[in-house]
């Protein structure tokens, strides 16, 4: 396996040999150290570092302005794969191929289009899009204040951290007032090419801004016939369900959870780097149980702990 990894990038593998990307000699150790630290560091050790702001402006409430910076708060740490050519282990490139003549089209010949009917497009020029683009005045315009508990989380989009921009006194005053009253500020912001409704509220030591989805971007459960015609639960089943929920009730901490699939992929990569053979074992199918039986057995198991 070591001999295979030393092969030059792009060299053809021998017959029957699986192509392997060249790996730096410290790659295995580095991945292993990262994986081992995943469980030992705790939640604080796995949180992202404070980065530079990507937006600067101000929160405006009437004549009051609070200059702020906007920072990324959440990061997707899902495992990412590259698509490779099996024969030589090299990454594949995606080209712009015309569906009509099969020709690769250079960027200079591309335009944006909106499909109005199947296979029929309206071409939109960059200048036309620029003319209707929402104007960004670098302001978070607050329109009203609401109780935090009145907000429906299904409309929450992406959260961002707000930091003071030489406005520590005003920033602290706004945060403290919102927290004391249990309120959140509702307003609007323009980011890049889109205007968003937003909510600004206190979170731990600071303020965060969360974009909101528009009403027509969210489907309500009642739109599904299977949900709108749900039967009324039986008294016996409902009693057992309530007892199970009561027995499983407790405090929540996100630190109790981590991405087990990501852990498994990291372990898989380390094993393959070490030359181990991976054998897939099919999981045994679970036995389907009648609802009442499943409720009774679940409650018995909980009470036996």
C-alpha atoms as a PDB file:
ATOM      1  CA  UNK A   1       0.000   0.000   0.000  1.00  0.00           C
ATOM      2  CA  UNK A   2       2.850   2.391   0.849  1.00  0.00           C
ATOM      3  CA  UNK A   3       4.420   1.668  -2.521  1.00  0.00           C
ATOM      4  CA  UNK A   4       1.135   2.498  -4.266  1.00  0.00           C
ATOM      5  CA  UNK A   5       0.810   5.842  -2.476  1.00  0.00           C
ATOM      6  CA  UNK A   6       4.285   6.880  -3.626  1.00  0.00           C
ATOM      7  CA  UNK A   7       3.294   6.681  -7.283  1.00  0.00           C
ATOM      8  CA  UNK A   8       3.371   9.991  -9.126  1.00  0.00           C
ATOM      9  CA  UNK A   9       0.021  11.790  -9.605  1.00  0.00           C
ATOM     10  CA  UNK A  10      -1.590  10.793 -12.880  1.00  0.00           C
ATOM     11  CA  UNK A  11       0.433   7.588 -13.346  1.00  0.00           C
ATOM     12  CA  UNK A  12      -1.626   4.620 -14.511  1.00  0.00           C
ATOM     13  CA  UNK A  13      -2.295   1.886 -11.927  1.00  0.00           C
ATOM     14  CA  UNK A  14      -1.297  -1.694 -12.587  1.00  0.00           C
ATOM     15  CA  UNK A  15      -3.968  -4.117 -13.718  1.00  0.00           C
ATOM     16  CA  UNK A  16      -6.261  -5.146 -10.868  1.00  0.00           C
ATOM     17  CA  UNK A  17      -4.891  -2.427  -8.623  1.00  0.00           C
ATOM     18  CA  UNK A  18      -7.188   0.258  -7.202  1.00  0.00           C
ATOM     19  CA  UNK A  19      -5.893   3.781  -7.983  1.00  0.00           C
ATOM     20  CA  UNK A  20      -4.966   5.772  -4.899  1.00  0.00           C
ATOM     21  CA  UNK A  21      -4.451   9.523  -4.693  1.00  0.00           C
ATOM     22  CA  UNK A  22      -0.958  10.578  -3.549  1.00  0.00           C
ATOM     23  CA  UNK A  23      -1.052  11.197   0.204  1.00  0.00           C
ATOM     24  CA  UNK A  24       1.333  13.320   2.257  1.00  0.00           C
ATOM     25  CA  UNK A  25       3.142  11.156   4.792  1.00  0.00           C
ATOM     26  CA  UNK A  26       1.583  13.091   7.690  1.00  0.00           C
ATOM     27  CA  UNK A  27      -1.976  12.866   6.328  1.00  0.00           C
ATOM     28  CA  UNK A  28      -2.861   9.716   8.300  1.00  0.00           C
ATOM     29  CA  UNK A  29      -1.515  11.098  11.563  1.00  0.00           C
ATOM     30  CA  UNK A  30      -3.204  14.462  11.001  1.00  0.00           C
ATOM     31  CA  UNK A  31      -6.600  12.893  10.330  1.00  0.00           C
ATOM     32  CA  UNK A  32      -6.215  10.553  13.287  1.00  0.00           C
ATOM     33  CA  UNK A  33      -5.334  13.409  15.646  1.00  0.00           C
ATOM     34  CA  UNK A  34      -8.321  15.419  14.411  1.00  0.00           C
ATOM     35  CA  UNK A  35     -10.643  12.463  14.933  1.00  0.00           C
ATOM     36  CA  UNK A  36      -9.308  11.657  18.419  1.00  0.00           C
ATOM     37  CA  UNK A  37      -9.761  15.264  19.463  1.00  0.00           C
ATOM     38  CA  UNK A  38     -13.359  15.181  18.259  1.00  0.00           C
ATOM     39  CA  UNK A  39     -14.623  13.479  21.411  1.00  0.00           C
ATOM     40  CA  UNK A  40     -12.056  14.694  23.934  1.00  0.00           C
ATOM     41  CA  UNK A  41     -12.249  18.433  23.344  1.00  0.00           C
ATOM     42  CA  UNK A  42     -15.928  18.834  24.138  1.00  0.00           C
ATOM     43  CA  UNK A  43     -18.297  21.283  22.460  1.00  0.00           C
ATOM     44  CA  UNK A  44     -16.156  24.352  23.117  1.00  0.00           C
ATOM     45  CA  UNK A  45     -13.125  22.800  21.405  1.00  0.00           C
ATOM     46  CA  UNK A  46     -15.147  21.990  18.285  1.00  0.00           C
ATOM     47  CA  UNK A  47     -16.649  25.460  17.825  1.00  0.00           C
ATOM     48  CA  UNK A  48     -15.459  27.657  14.981  1.00  0.00           C
ATOM     49  CA  UNK A  49     -13.017  30.485  15.526  1.00  0.00           C
ATOM     50  CA  UNK A  50     -14.053  34.110  15.239  1.00  0.00           C
ATOM     51  CA  UNK A  51     -13.452  35.260  11.672  1.00  0.00           C
ATOM     52  CA  UNK A  52     -13.399  38.596   9.879  1.00  0.00           C
ATOM     53  CA  UNK A  53     -16.715  40.377   9.159  1.00  0.00           C
ATOM     54  CA  UNK A  54     -18.200  40.054   5.672  1.00  0.00           C
ATOM     55  CA  UNK A  55     -20.631  42.973   6.083  1.00  0.00           C
ATOM     56  CA  UNK A  56     -20.553  46.277   7.949  1.00  0.00           C
ATOM     57  CA  UNK A  57     -23.412  48.683   8.506  1.00  0.00           C
ATOM     58  CA  UNK A  58     -25.709  49.759  11.306  1.00  0.00           C
ATOM     59  CA  UNK A  59     -28.865  48.784  13.154  1.00  0.00           C
ATOM     60  CA  UNK A  60     -31.311  51.667  12.802  1.00  0.00           C
ATOM     61  CA  UNK A  61     -34.212  52.207  15.224  1.00  0.00           C
ATOM     62  CA  UNK A  62     -35.833  55.528  14.406  1.00  0.00           C
ATOM     63  CA  UNK A  63     -33.024  58.071  14.833  1.00  0.00           C
ATOM     64  CA  UNK A  64     -30.838  55.635  16.784  1.00  0.00           C
ATOM     65  CA  UNK A  65     -27.940  54.031  14.908  1.00  0.00           C
ATOM     66  CA  UNK A  66     -25.812  51.177  16.230  1.00  0.00           C
ATOM     67  CA  UNK A  67     -22.837  50.505  13.896  1.00  0.00           C
ATOM     68  CA  UNK A  68     -22.173  46.769  13.672  1.00  0.00           C
ATOM     69  CA  UNK A  69     -20.216  44.097  11.812  1.00  0.00           C
ATOM     70  CA  UNK A  70     -21.806  40.851  10.572  1.00  0.00           C
ATOM     71  CA  UNK A  71     -19.902  37.576  10.996  1.00  0.00           C
ATOM     72  CA  UNK A  72     -20.530  34.003   9.906  1.00  0.00           C
ATOM     73  CA  UNK A  73     -21.943  31.990  12.807  1.00  0.00           C
ATOM     74  CA  UNK A  74     -22.637  28.485  11.483  1.00  0.00           C
ATOM     75  CA  UNK A  75     -20.509  26.293   9.240  1.00  0.00           C
ATOM     76  CA  UNK A  76     -21.467  23.073   7.482  1.00  0.00           C
ATOM     77  CA  UNK A  77     -18.911  20.474   8.572  1.00  0.00           C
ATOM     78  CA  UNK A  78     -20.345  17.621   6.515  1.00  0.00           C
ATOM     79  CA  UNK A  79     -17.768  15.328   4.953  1.00  0.00           C
ATOM     80  CA  UNK A  80     -17.001  16.367   1.374  1.00  0.00           C
ATOM     81  CA  UNK A  81     -15.975  13.985  -1.418  1.00  0.00           C
ATOM     82  CA  UNK A  82     -14.454  14.739  -4.812  1.00  0.00           C
ATOM     83  CA  UNK A  83     -15.598  12.825  -7.897  1.00  0.00           C
ATOM     84  CA  UNK A  84     -12.593  10.991  -9.391  1.00  0.00           C
ATOM     85  CA  UNK A  85     -11.762   9.053 -12.538  1.00  0.00           C
ATOM     86  CA  UNK A  86     -11.525   5.435 -11.364  1.00  0.00           C
ATOM     87  CA  UNK A  87      -8.779   4.572 -13.887  1.00  0.00           C
ATOM     88  CA  UNK A  88      -6.224   7.130 -12.691  1.00  0.00           C
ATOM     89  CA  UNK A  89      -7.627   8.509  -9.425  1.00  0.00           C
ATOM     90  CA  UNK A  90      -7.666  12.108 -10.669  1.00  0.00           C
ATOM     91  CA  UNK A  91     -10.454  14.696 -10.054  1.00  0.00           C
ATOM     92  CA  UNK A  92     -13.076  15.264 -12.739  1.00  0.00           C
ATOM     93  CA  UNK A  93     -13.842  18.703 -14.164  1.00  0.00           C
ATOM     94  CA  UNK A  94     -17.302  19.961 -15.084  1.00  0.00           C
ATOM     95  CA  UNK A  95     -17.587  21.776 -18.407  1.00  0.00           C
ATOM     96  CA  UNK A  96     -20.374  23.932 -19.820  1.00  0.00           C
ATOM     97  CA  UNK A  97     -21.739  21.665 -22.578  1.00  0.00           C
ATOM     98  CA  UNK A  98     -24.523  22.940 -24.842  1.00  0.00           C
ATOM     99  CA  UNK A  99     -27.473  20.527 -24.788  1.00  0.00           C
ATOM    100  CA  UNK A 100     -28.199  21.252 -28.481  1.00  0.00           C
ATOM    101  CA  UNK A 101     -24.861  20.838 -30.267  1.00  0.00           C
ATOM    102  CA  UNK A 102     -22.780  19.113 -27.548  1.00  0.00           C
ATOM    103  CA  UNK A 103     -20.093  21.827 -27.743  1.00  0.00           C
ATOM    104  CA  UNK A 104     -18.176  23.091 -24.704  1.00  0.00           C
ATOM    105  CA  UNK A 105     -19.144  26.762 -24.327  1.00  0.00           C
ATOM    106  CA  UNK A 106     -16.651  29.357 -22.994  1.00  0.00           C
ATOM    107  CA  UNK A 107     -17.755  31.727 -20.220  1.00  0.00           C
ATOM    108  CA  UNK A 108     -17.760  34.634 -22.693  1.00  0.00           C
ATOM    109  CA  UNK A 109     -20.664  33.018 -24.586  1.00  0.00           C
ATOM    110  CA  UNK A 110     -22.884  32.330 -21.556  1.00  0.00           C
ATOM    111  CA  UNK A 111     -25.951  34.296 -20.417  1.00  0.00           C
ATOM    112  CA  UNK A 112     -28.528  33.834 -17.668  1.00  0.00           C
ATOM    113  CA  UNK A 113     -31.992  32.625 -18.576  1.00  0.00           C
ATOM    114  CA  UNK A 114     -35.319  32.083 -16.797  1.00  0.00           C
ATOM    115  CA  UNK A 115     -37.419  29.091 -17.903  1.00  0.00           C
ATOM    116  CA  UNK A 116     -40.984  30.287 -18.528  1.00  0.00           C
ATOM    117  CA  UNK A 117     -42.188  27.066 -20.151  1.00  0.00           C
ATOM    118  CA  UNK A 118     -40.610  23.666 -20.687  1.00  0.00           C
ATOM    119  CA  UNK A 119     -37.561  24.287 -22.873  1.00  0.00           C
ATOM    120  CA  UNK A 120     -38.426  27.974 -23.400  1.00  0.00           C
ATOM    121  CA  UNK A 121     -36.239  30.621 -21.759  1.00  0.00           C
ATOM    122  CA  UNK A 122     -36.158  34.384 -21.385  1.00  0.00           C
ATOM    123  CA  UNK A 123     -32.600  35.717 -21.575  1.00  0.00           C
ATOM    124  CA  UNK A 124     -31.761  38.241 -18.839  1.00  0.00           C
ATOM    125  CA  UNK A 125     -28.727  40.499 -19.253  1.00  0.00           C
ATOM    126  CA  UNK A 126     -26.452  41.497 -16.324  1.00  0.00           C
ATOM    127  CA  UNK A 127     -27.393  45.180 -16.732  1.00  0.00           C
ATOM    128  CA  UNK A 128     -31.105  44.322 -16.462  1.00  0.00           C
ATOM    129  CA  UNK A 129     -30.564  42.381 -13.239  1.00  0.00           C
ATOM    130  CA  UNK A 130     -28.448  45.204 -11.842  1.00  0.00           C
ATOM    131  CA  UNK A 131     -31.258  47.691 -12.510  1.00  0.00           C
ATOM    132  CA  UNK A 132     -33.783  45.773 -10.374  1.00  0.00           C
ATOM    133  CA  UNK A 133     -31.386  44.585  -7.688  1.00  0.00           C
ATOM    134  CA  UNK A 134     -32.499  45.684  -4.197  1.00  0.00           C
ATOM    135  CA  UNK A 135     -30.499  48.672  -3.022  1.00  0.00           C
ATOM    136  CA  UNK A 136     -28.109  47.942  -0.172  1.00  0.00           C
ATOM    137  CA  UNK A 137     -27.830  50.960   2.125  1.00  0.00           C
ATOM    138  CA  UNK A 138     -25.789  49.024   4.711  1.00  0.00           C
ATOM    139  CA  UNK A 139     -28.583  49.243   7.255  1.00  0.00           C
ATOM    140  CA  UNK A 140     -30.592  46.792   9.322  1.00  0.00           C
ATOM    141  CA  UNK A 141     -33.874  48.683   9.506  1.00  0.00           C
ATOM    142  CA  UNK A 142     -35.819  47.711  12.635  1.00  0.00           C
ATOM    143  CA  UNK A 143     -39.595  47.985  12.211  1.00  0.00           C
ATOM    144  CA  UNK A 144     -41.028  46.449  15.380  1.00  0.00           C
ATOM    145  CA  UNK A 145     -40.289  44.471  18.535  1.00  0.00           C
ATOM    146  CA  UNK A 146     -41.936  41.140  19.383  1.00  0.00           C
ATOM    147  CA  UNK A 147     -41.769  38.582  22.165  1.00  0.00           C
ATOM    148  CA  UNK A 148     -39.089  35.980  21.425  1.00  0.00           C
ATOM    149  CA  UNK A 149     -41.434  33.090  22.209  1.00  0.00           C
ATOM    150  CA  UNK A 150     -43.896  34.329  19.566  1.00  0.00           C
ATOM    151  CA  UNK A 151     -41.432  33.584  16.753  1.00  0.00           C
ATOM    152  CA  UNK A 152     -42.039  30.402  14.749  1.00  0.00           C
ATOM    153  CA  UNK A 153     -38.669  28.627  14.275  1.00  0.00           C
ATOM    154  CA  UNK A 154     -39.701  27.096  10.921  1.00  0.00           C
ATOM    155  CA  UNK A 155     -39.188  30.536   9.369  1.00  0.00           C
ATOM    156  CA  UNK A 156     -35.631  30.856  10.704  1.00  0.00           C
ATOM    157  CA  UNK A 157     -32.950  30.907   8.034  1.00  0.00           C
ATOM    158  CA  UNK A 158     -29.236  31.533   8.680  1.00  0.00           C
ATOM    159  CA  UNK A 159     -27.933  33.066  11.931  1.00  0.00           C
ATOM    160  CA  UNK A 160     -25.068  35.582  11.977  1.00  0.00           C
ATOM    161  CA  UNK A 161     -23.150  37.147  14.850  1.00  0.00           C
ATOM    162  CA  UNK A 162     -23.376  40.912  15.253  1.00  0.00           C
ATOM    163  CA  UNK A 163     -20.375  42.656  16.807  1.00  0.00           C
ATOM    164  CA  UNK A 164     -20.069  46.358  17.725  1.00  0.00           C
ATOM    165  CA  UNK A 165     -18.239  48.666  15.315  1.00  0.00           C
ATOM    166  CA  UNK A 166     -16.883  51.256  17.791  1.00  0.00           C
ATOM    167  CA  UNK A 167     -20.394  51.257  19.268  1.00  0.00           C
ATOM    168  CA  UNK A 168     -19.879  49.205  22.433  1.00  0.00           C
ATOM    169  CA  UNK A 169     -22.088  51.411  24.623  1.00  0.00           C
ATOM    170  CA  UNK A 170     -25.086  51.460  22.255  1.00  0.00           C
ATOM    171  CA  UNK A 171     -24.615  47.769  21.383  1.00  0.00           C
ATOM    172  CA  UNK A 172     -24.584  46.757  25.067  1.00  0.00           C
ATOM    173  CA  UNK A 173     -27.626  48.934  25.779  1.00  0.00           C
ATOM    174  CA  UNK A 174     -29.662  47.341  22.964  1.00  0.00           C
ATOM    175  CA  UNK A 175     -28.678  43.801  23.941  1.00  0.00           C
ATOM    176  CA  UNK A 176     -29.440  44.334  27.635  1.00  0.00           C
ATOM    177  CA  UNK A 177     -32.825  45.955  26.932  1.00  0.00           C
ATOM    178  CA  UNK A 178     -33.883  43.152  24.591  1.00  0.00           C
ATOM    179  CA  UNK A 179     -32.854  40.435  27.050  1.00  0.00           C
ATOM    180  CA  UNK A 180     -34.516  42.159  30.029  1.00  0.00           C
ATOM    181  CA  UNK A 181     -37.813  42.460  28.143  1.00  0.00           C
ATOM    182  CA  UNK A 182     -37.629  39.066  26.407  1.00  0.00           C
ATOM    183  CA  UNK A 183     -38.090  40.817  23.068  1.00  0.00           C
ATOM    184  CA  UNK A 184     -36.572  40.514  19.605  1.00  0.00           C
ATOM    185  CA  UNK A 185     -36.267  43.151  16.900  1.00  0.00           C
ATOM    186  CA  UNK A 186     -37.842  42.522  13.482  1.00  0.00           C
ATOM    187  CA  UNK A 187     -36.502  44.324  10.423  1.00  0.00           C
ATOM    188  CA  UNK A 188     -34.938  44.021   6.961  1.00  0.00           C
ATOM    189  CA  UNK A 189     -31.450  43.716   5.495  1.00  0.00           C
ATOM    190  CA  UNK A 190     -30.079  43.406   1.966  1.00  0.00           C
ATOM    191  CA  UNK A 191     -27.303  40.847   1.597  1.00  0.00           C
ATOM    192  CA  UNK A 192     -25.667  40.470  -1.800  1.00  0.00           C
ATOM    193  CA  UNK A 193     -28.630  40.343  -4.210  1.00  0.00           C
ATOM    194  CA  UNK A 194     -31.538  39.586  -1.878  1.00  0.00           C
ATOM    195  CA  UNK A 195     -33.562  41.466   0.709  1.00  0.00           C
ATOM    196  CA  UNK A 196     -34.347  39.426   3.819  1.00  0.00           C
ATOM    197  CA  UNK A 197     -36.694  39.910   6.737  1.00  0.00           C
ATOM    198  CA  UNK A 198     -34.549  39.411   9.862  1.00  0.00           C
ATOM    199  CA  UNK A 199     -34.800  38.995  13.609  1.00  0.00           C
ATOM    200  CA  UNK A 200     -32.186  40.480  15.962  1.00  0.00           C
ATOM    201  CA  UNK A 201     -32.058  39.207  19.532  1.00  0.00           C
ATOM    202  CA  UNK A 202     -29.736  38.610  22.460  1.00  0.00           C
ATOM    203  CA  UNK A 203     -27.875  35.308  22.518  1.00  0.00           C
ATOM    204  CA  UNK A 204     -25.427  34.466  25.301  1.00  0.00           C
ATOM    205  CA  UNK A 205     -23.041  37.442  25.541  1.00  0.00           C
ATOM    206  CA  UNK A 206     -24.007  39.221  22.327  1.00  0.00           C
ATOM    207  CA  UNK A 207     -26.533  39.917  19.596  1.00  0.00           C
ATOM    208  CA  UNK A 208     -27.290  37.678  16.631  1.00  0.00           C
ATOM    209  CA  UNK A 209     -29.162  38.365  13.415  1.00  0.00           C
ATOM    210  CA  UNK A 210     -31.141  35.552  11.810  1.00  0.00           C
ATOM    211  CA  UNK A 211     -32.575  35.789   8.302  1.00  0.00           C
ATOM    212  CA  UNK A 212     -36.207  34.736   7.956  1.00  0.00           C
ATOM    213  CA  UNK A 213     -37.897  32.817   5.165  1.00  0.00           C
ATOM    214  CA  UNK A 214     -40.867  34.379   3.409  1.00  0.00           C
ATOM    215  CA  UNK A 215     -44.308  32.877   4.054  1.00  0.00           C
ATOM    216  CA  UNK A 216     -44.564  31.389   0.540  1.00  0.00           C
ATOM    217  CA  UNK A 217     -41.245  29.570   1.035  1.00  0.00           C
ATOM    218  CA  UNK A 218     -42.646  27.366   3.816  1.00  0.00           C
ATOM    219  CA  UNK A 219     -45.196  24.569   3.364  1.00  0.00           C
ATOM    220  CA  UNK A 220     -47.528  23.989   6.324  1.00  0.00           C
ATOM    221  CA  UNK A 221     -48.208  20.389   7.415  1.00  0.00           C
ATOM    222  CA  UNK A 222     -51.943  20.866   6.872  1.00  0.00           C
ATOM    223  CA  UNK A 223     -51.328  21.067   3.128  1.00  0.00           C
ATOM    224  CA  UNK A 224     -50.865  17.275   3.120  1.00  0.00           C
ATOM    225  CA  UNK A 225     -54.072  15.244   3.013  1.00  0.00           C
ATOM    226  CA  UNK A 226     -52.542  12.433   5.082  1.00  0.00           C
ATOM    227  CA  UNK A 227     -51.982  14.905   7.935  1.00  0.00           C
ATOM    228  CA  UNK A 228     -55.259  16.798   7.632  1.00  0.00           C
ATOM    229  CA  UNK A 229     -57.196  13.535   8.072  1.00  0.00           C
ATOM    230  CA  UNK A 230     -55.317  12.051  11.040  1.00  0.00           C
ATOM    231  CA  UNK A 231     -57.429   9.813  13.340  1.00  0.00           C
ATOM    232  CA  UNK A 232     -58.016  10.645  16.999  1.00  0.00           C
ATOM    233  CA  UNK A 233     -55.681   8.506  19.190  1.00  0.00           C
ATOM    234  CA  UNK A 234     -57.217   5.810  21.403  1.00  0.00           C
ATOM    235  CA  UNK A 235     -57.258   6.449  25.146  1.00  0.00           C
ATOM    236  CA  UNK A 236     -55.065   3.429  26.001  1.00  0.00           C
ATOM    237  CA  UNK A 237     -52.443   4.213  23.354  1.00  0.00           C
ATOM    238  CA  UNK A 238     -52.389   7.890  24.366  1.00  0.00           C
ATOM    239  CA  UNK A 239     -51.849   6.987  28.017  1.00  0.00           C
ATOM    240  CA  UNK A 240     -48.871   4.767  27.157  1.00  0.00           C
ATOM    241  CA  UNK A 241     -47.419   7.427  24.834  1.00  0.00           C
ATOM    242  CA  UNK A 242     -47.661  10.057  27.576  1.00  0.00           C
ATOM    243  CA  UNK A 243     -45.919   7.760  30.072  1.00  0.00           C
ATOM    244  CA  UNK A 244     -43.086   7.074  27.602  1.00  0.00           C
ATOM    245  CA  UNK A 245     -42.611  10.787  26.946  1.00  0.00           C
ATOM    246  CA  UNK A 246     -42.622  11.511  30.690  1.00  0.00           C
ATOM    247  CA  UNK A 247     -40.019   8.804  31.381  1.00  0.00           C
ATOM    248  CA  UNK A 248     -37.764  10.106  28.596  1.00  0.00           C
ATOM    249  CA  UNK A 249     -38.093  13.772  29.582  1.00  0.00           C
ATOM    250  CA  UNK A 250     -34.963  15.669  30.615  1.00  0.00           C
ATOM    251  CA  UNK A 251     -32.715  18.629  29.965  1.00  0.00           C
ATOM    252  CA  UNK A 252     -31.267  19.229  26.504  1.00  0.00           C
ATOM    253  CA  UNK A 253     -27.618  19.898  25.694  1.00  0.00           C
ATOM    254  CA  UNK A 254     -26.364  19.991  22.104  1.00  0.00           C
ATOM    255  CA  UNK A 255     -22.977  18.824  23.455  1.00  0.00           C
ATOM    256  CA  UNK A 256     -24.555  15.368  23.872  1.00  0.00           C
ATOM    257  CA  UNK A 257     -24.721  15.000  20.083  1.00  0.00           C
ATOM    258  CA  UNK A 258     -22.124  14.809  17.331  1.00  0.00           C
ATOM    259  CA  UNK A 259     -21.981  13.705  13.713  1.00  0.00           C
ATOM    260  CA  UNK A 260     -21.558   9.917  13.912  1.00  0.00           C
ATOM    261  CA  UNK A 261     -21.538   9.584  10.106  1.00  0.00           C
ATOM    262  CA  UNK A 262     -18.642  12.019   9.875  1.00  0.00           C
ATOM    263  CA  UNK A 263     -16.814   9.973  12.537  1.00  0.00           C
ATOM    264  CA  UNK A 264     -17.425   6.796  10.544  1.00  0.00           C
ATOM    265  CA  UNK A 265     -16.151   8.355   7.292  1.00  0.00           C
ATOM    266  CA  UNK A 266     -12.990   9.592   9.033  1.00  0.00           C
ATOM    267  CA  UNK A 267     -12.378   6.105  10.427  1.00  0.00           C
ATOM    268  CA  UNK A 268     -12.985   4.594   6.976  1.00  0.00           C
ATOM    269  CA  UNK A 269     -10.451   6.959   5.376  1.00  0.00           C
ATOM    270  CA  UNK A 270      -7.842   6.212   8.049  1.00  0.00           C
ATOM    271  CA  UNK A 271      -8.324   2.464   7.597  1.00  0.00           C
ATOM    272  CA  UNK A 272      -7.952   2.738   3.814  1.00  0.00           C
ATOM    273  CA  UNK A 273      -4.821   4.864   4.199  1.00  0.00           C
ATOM    274  CA  UNK A 274      -3.426   2.153   6.455  1.00  0.00           C
ATOM    275  CA  UNK A 275      -4.136  -0.491   3.799  1.00  0.00           C
ATOM    276  CA  UNK A 276      -6.972  -2.260   5.629  1.00  0.00           C
ATOM    277  CA  UNK A 277      -9.630  -4.091   3.637  1.00  0.00           C
ATOM    278  CA  UNK A 278     -13.169  -2.858   4.270  1.00  0.00           C
ATOM    279  CA  UNK A 279     -15.944  -5.462   4.455  1.00  0.00           C
ATOM    280  CA  UNK A 280     -19.545  -4.290   4.332  1.00  0.00           C
ATOM    281  CA  UNK A 281     -22.017  -6.093   6.583  1.00  0.00           C
ATOM    282  CA  UNK A 282     -25.728  -5.704   5.886  1.00  0.00           C
ATOM    283  CA  UNK A 283     -27.717  -4.678   9.004  1.00  0.00           C
ATOM    284  CA  UNK A 284     -30.368  -7.075  10.250  1.00  0.00           C
ATOM    285  CA  UNK A 285     -33.893  -5.810   9.485  1.00  0.00           C
ATOM    286  CA  UNK A 286     -35.889  -4.810  12.549  1.00  0.00           C
ATOM    287  CA  UNK A 287     -39.000  -6.769  13.389  1.00  0.00           C
ATOM    288  CA  UNK A 288     -42.180  -4.796  12.678  1.00  0.00           C
ATOM    289  CA  UNK A 289     -44.440  -4.641  15.734  1.00  0.00           C
ATOM    290  CA  UNK A 290     -48.082  -3.688  16.218  1.00  0.00           C
ATOM    291  CA  UNK A 291     -48.388  -0.196  17.754  1.00  0.00           C
ATOM    292  CA  UNK A 292     -49.821  -1.235  21.142  1.00  0.00           C
ATOM    293  CA  UNK A 293     -47.212  -3.998  21.534  1.00  0.00           C
ATOM    294  CA  UNK A 294     -44.404  -1.610  20.651  1.00  0.00           C
ATOM    295  CA  UNK A 295     -45.672   0.957  23.182  1.00  0.00           C
ATOM    296  CA  UNK A 296     -45.915  -1.618  25.979  1.00  0.00           C
ATOM    297  CA  UNK A 297     -42.440  -3.072  25.305  1.00  0.00           C
ATOM    298  CA  UNK A 298     -40.883   0.386  25.110  1.00  0.00           C
ATOM    299  CA  UNK A 299     -42.420   1.442  28.432  1.00  0.00           C
ATOM    300  CA  UNK A 300     -41.329  -1.839  30.063  1.00  0.00           C
ATOM    301  CA  UNK A 301     -37.764  -1.304  28.845  1.00  0.00           C
ATOM    302  CA  UNK A 302     -37.674   2.246  30.248  1.00  0.00           C
ATOM    303  CA  UNK A 303     -39.037   1.165  33.607  1.00  0.00           C
ATOM    304  CA  UNK A 304     -36.488  -1.647  33.774  1.00  0.00           C
ATOM    305  CA  UNK A 305     -33.524   0.750  33.546  1.00  0.00           C
END
